[in-house]
Each structure stands twice: as C-alpha cells, then as structure tokens.
Amino acid sequence: MDTEYTFTIVLEPQEEGGFLVLVPALPEVVTYGATEDEAVAMAEDAIRLAVGYRQDEGDTVPSEHLPQMRQLRVAVPA
C-alpha cells in the first residue's frame, strides 16, 4: 500500500516564462515547468524521487509544516 504525503509547493513565475518550483519541507527539491501544469507535474516527480531517496537511505521524511509566507517591502537608498 502506498503512503500519501502532502507538501506545500511554491510556484515562482520567471521573467523568461515558466515557473520555478520549490518545496519548503524538502529543500533538495527545486524544479521548473514551462507552464503551471507542467511545473506541478515536475514537482510531483521530484517529490517522489526525494521521498524515495530519503526512505532508501533511512532518513526521515518531514511532516508538512505550513510555511508562513509574507510580503516584505524594503526601501533601498538610491
């Protein structure tokens, strides 16, 4: 029986197009997709690989902790 995990992913739109994908609970997962759907699919594959690797190595798979995301405005002298 498969074990299901839930992870938050962060989709960062890129200037040149597409999306960079980060997974805060699995910092080793960084991927990219040309479209949002492709980015999510790439993230699913990368998460499966990262979790499988951790299991094979006897490492823990972190439980999901929802990241706190905020926007921060910073003034920089001109």
C-alpha atoms as a PDB file:
ATOM      1  CA  MET A   1       0.000   0.000   0.000  1.00  0.00           C
ATOM      2  CA  ASP A   2       1.307   3.446  -0.935  1.00  0.00           C
ATOM      3  CA  THR A   3       1.863   6.113   1.684  1.00  0.00           C
ATOM      4  CA  GLU A   4       0.475   9.521   0.810  1.00  0.00           C
ATOM      5  CA  TYR A   5       2.190  12.760   1.738  1.00  0.00           C
ATOM      6  CA  THR A   6       1.064  16.352   1.400  1.00  0.00           C
ATOM      7  CA  PHE A   7       3.597  19.073   0.667  1.00  0.00           C
ATOM      8  CA  THR A   8       3.267  22.772   0.021  1.00  0.00           C
ATOM      9  CA  ILE A   9       4.879  23.875  -3.232  1.00  0.00           C
ATOM     10  CA  VAL A  10       5.874  27.411  -4.168  1.00  0.00           C
ATOM     11  CA  LEU A  11       5.491  28.399  -7.821  1.00  0.00           C
ATOM     12  CA  GLU A  12       7.675  31.383  -8.712  1.00  0.00           C
ATOM     13  CA  PRO A  13       6.880  32.917 -12.118  1.00  0.00           C
ATOM     14  CA  GLN A  14      10.070  33.543 -14.090  1.00  0.00           C
ATOM     15  CA  GLU A  15      10.794  36.627 -16.219  1.00  0.00           C
ATOM     16  CA  GLU A  16      11.607  34.471 -19.231  1.00  0.00           C
ATOM     17  CA  GLY A  17       8.401  32.477 -18.719  1.00  0.00           C
ATOM     18  CA  GLY A  18       7.563  29.333 -16.847  1.00  0.00           C
ATOM     19  CA  PHE A  19       7.699  28.598 -13.148  1.00  0.00           C
ATOM     20  CA  LEU A  20      10.454  27.694 -10.718  1.00  0.00           C
ATOM     21  CA  VAL A  21       9.104  25.272  -8.102  1.00  0.00           C
ATOM     22  CA  LEU A  22      10.350  24.997  -4.516  1.00  0.00           C
ATOM     23  CA  VAL A  23       9.191  22.648  -1.760  1.00  0.00           C
ATOM     24  CA  PRO A  24       9.907  24.225   1.651  1.00  0.00           C
ATOM     25  CA  ALA A  25       9.715  20.902   3.547  1.00  0.00           C
ATOM     26  CA  LEU A  26      12.110  19.248   1.060  1.00  0.00           C
ATOM     27  CA  PRO A  27      14.797  21.851   0.305  1.00  0.00           C
ATOM     28  CA  GLU A  28      16.516  19.472  -2.118  1.00  0.00           C
ATOM     29  CA  VAL A  29      13.526  19.733  -4.450  1.00  0.00           C
ATOM     30  CA  VAL A  30      13.908  22.542  -6.972  1.00  0.00           C
ATOM     31  CA  THR A  31      12.388  22.113 -10.409  1.00  0.00           C
ATOM     32  CA  TYR A  32      10.900  24.037 -13.322  1.00  0.00           C
ATOM     33  CA  GLY A  33       7.994  23.849 -15.735  1.00  0.00           C
ATOM     34  CA  ALA A  34       7.158  25.909 -18.802  1.00  0.00           C
ATOM     35  CA  THR A  35       3.501  26.042 -17.717  1.00  0.00           C
ATOM     36  CA  GLU A  36       1.843  25.845 -14.315  1.00  0.00           C
ATOM     37  CA  ASP A  37       0.543  22.333 -15.062  1.00  0.00           C
ATOM     38  CA  GLU A  38       3.992  21.181 -16.177  1.00  0.00           C
ATOM     39  CA  ALA A  39       5.583  22.752 -13.099  1.00  0.00           C
ATOM     40  CA  VAL A  40       3.184  20.901 -10.791  1.00  0.00           C
ATOM     41  CA  ALA A  41       3.817  17.610 -12.628  1.00  0.00           C
ATOM     42  CA  MET A  42       7.580  18.145 -12.370  1.00  0.00           C
ATOM     43  CA  ALA A  43       7.185  18.863  -8.651  1.00  0.00           C
ATOM     44  CA  GLU A  44       5.238  15.611  -8.155  1.00  0.00           C
ATOM     45  CA  ASP A  45       8.010  13.621  -9.849  1.00  0.00           C
ATOM     46  CA  ALA A  46      10.755  15.401  -7.903  1.00  0.00           C
ATOM     47  CA  ILE A  47       8.933  14.883  -4.589  1.00  0.00           C
ATOM     48  CA  ARG A  48       8.507  11.157  -5.311  1.00  0.00           C
ATOM     49  CA  LEU A  49      12.232  10.876  -6.029  1.00  0.00           C
ATOM     50  CA  ALA A  50      13.243  12.861  -2.930  1.00  0.00           C
ATOM     51  CA  VAL A  51      10.943  10.905  -0.606  1.00  0.00           C
ATOM     52  CA  GLY A  52      12.043   7.585  -2.138  1.00  0.00           C
ATOM     53  CA  TYR A  53      15.696   8.514  -1.713  1.00  0.00           C
ATOM     54  CA  ARG A  54      15.140   9.519   1.908  1.00  0.00           C
ATOM     55  CA  GLN A  55      13.344   6.240   2.600  1.00  0.00           C
ATOM     56  CA  ASP A  56      16.096   4.201   0.898  1.00  0.00           C
ATOM     57  CA  GLU A  57      18.742   5.974   2.976  1.00  0.00           C
ATOM     58  CA  GLY A  58      16.798   5.564   6.222  1.00  0.00           C
ATOM     59  CA  ASP A  59      16.346   9.329   6.515  1.00  0.00           C
ATOM     60  CA  THR A  60      13.156  10.805   7.876  1.00  0.00           C
ATOM     61  CA  VAL A  61      10.527  12.242   5.582  1.00  0.00           C
ATOM     62  CA  PRO A  62       9.498  15.538   7.161  1.00  0.00           C
ATOM     63  CA  SER A  63       5.912  16.087   8.088  1.00  0.00           C
ATOM     64  CA  GLU A  64       4.318  19.046   6.408  1.00  0.00           C
ATOM     65  CA  HIS A  65       4.534  22.290   8.329  1.00  0.00           C
ATOM     66  CA  LEU A  66       2.728  25.041   6.533  1.00  0.00           C
ATOM     67  CA  PRO A  67       5.220  27.781   5.787  1.00  0.00           C
ATOM     68  CA  GLN A  68       4.315  31.296   6.758  1.00  0.00           C
ATOM     69  CA  MET A  69       4.551  33.440   3.674  1.00  0.00           C
ATOM     70  CA  ARG A  70       4.593  37.205   3.881  1.00  0.00           C
ATOM     71  CA  GLN A  71       5.424  40.038   1.564  1.00  0.00           C
ATOM     72  CA  LEU A  72       8.116  42.355   2.853  1.00  0.00           C
ATOM     73  CA  ARG A  73       8.676  45.794   1.366  1.00  0.00           C
ATOM     74  CA  VAL A  74      12.241  47.064   1.752  1.00  0.00           C
ATOM     75  CA  ALA A  75      13.412  50.569   0.906  1.00  0.00           C
ATOM     76  CA  VAL A  76      16.894  50.721  -0.564  1.00  0.00           C
ATOM     77  CA  PRO A  77      18.685  54.084  -0.819  1.00  0.00           C
ATOM     78  CA  ALA A  78      19.088  55.223  -4.417  1.00  0.00           C
END
